[in-house]
């Protein structure tokens, strides 16, 4: 697999062989290997301890290259994957462009909010927060949301 993206990525996410969960967050190749193996890289639990450093992921990471390229937008990237049967697959994404499927995007955002905030403020407050955010278009004030976040 080859990832083509801004060379600035390497200034932040270029830890070649991460040893801790925190270092995994800053290893583009390791994160790509996790995603390739089906891991939910939006799950904060993935970065606790060394659970994301399985031999399978480490072997996959060694087969991933990052190639800097001059991109028109800083948030665009391309991934090229060569399959065992000789096919070459390409995917391109620009995270600076909102997803067209806003329902799917909302589900991802709220799932991440739940996984991050529940251990800190509890499930009841997280659900109230999500409900409040979902109804902001009709709200007359944001005091309720601010109380939930404090």
Foldseek 3Di string as FASTA:
>chain_A
DEKEAAPVLCVFQPPLQDDALVNCVRHPLLVVLCVVVPHDPLQSVCSHGCNSPDPSSNVSSVVYYYHYDDDPDRQKMKDWDADPVGDIDMDIDRPVDDDPPVVVVLVSVLVSLCNPCCVPQNDVLSVVLSVCVVCVVVDPDCVVNVVSVD
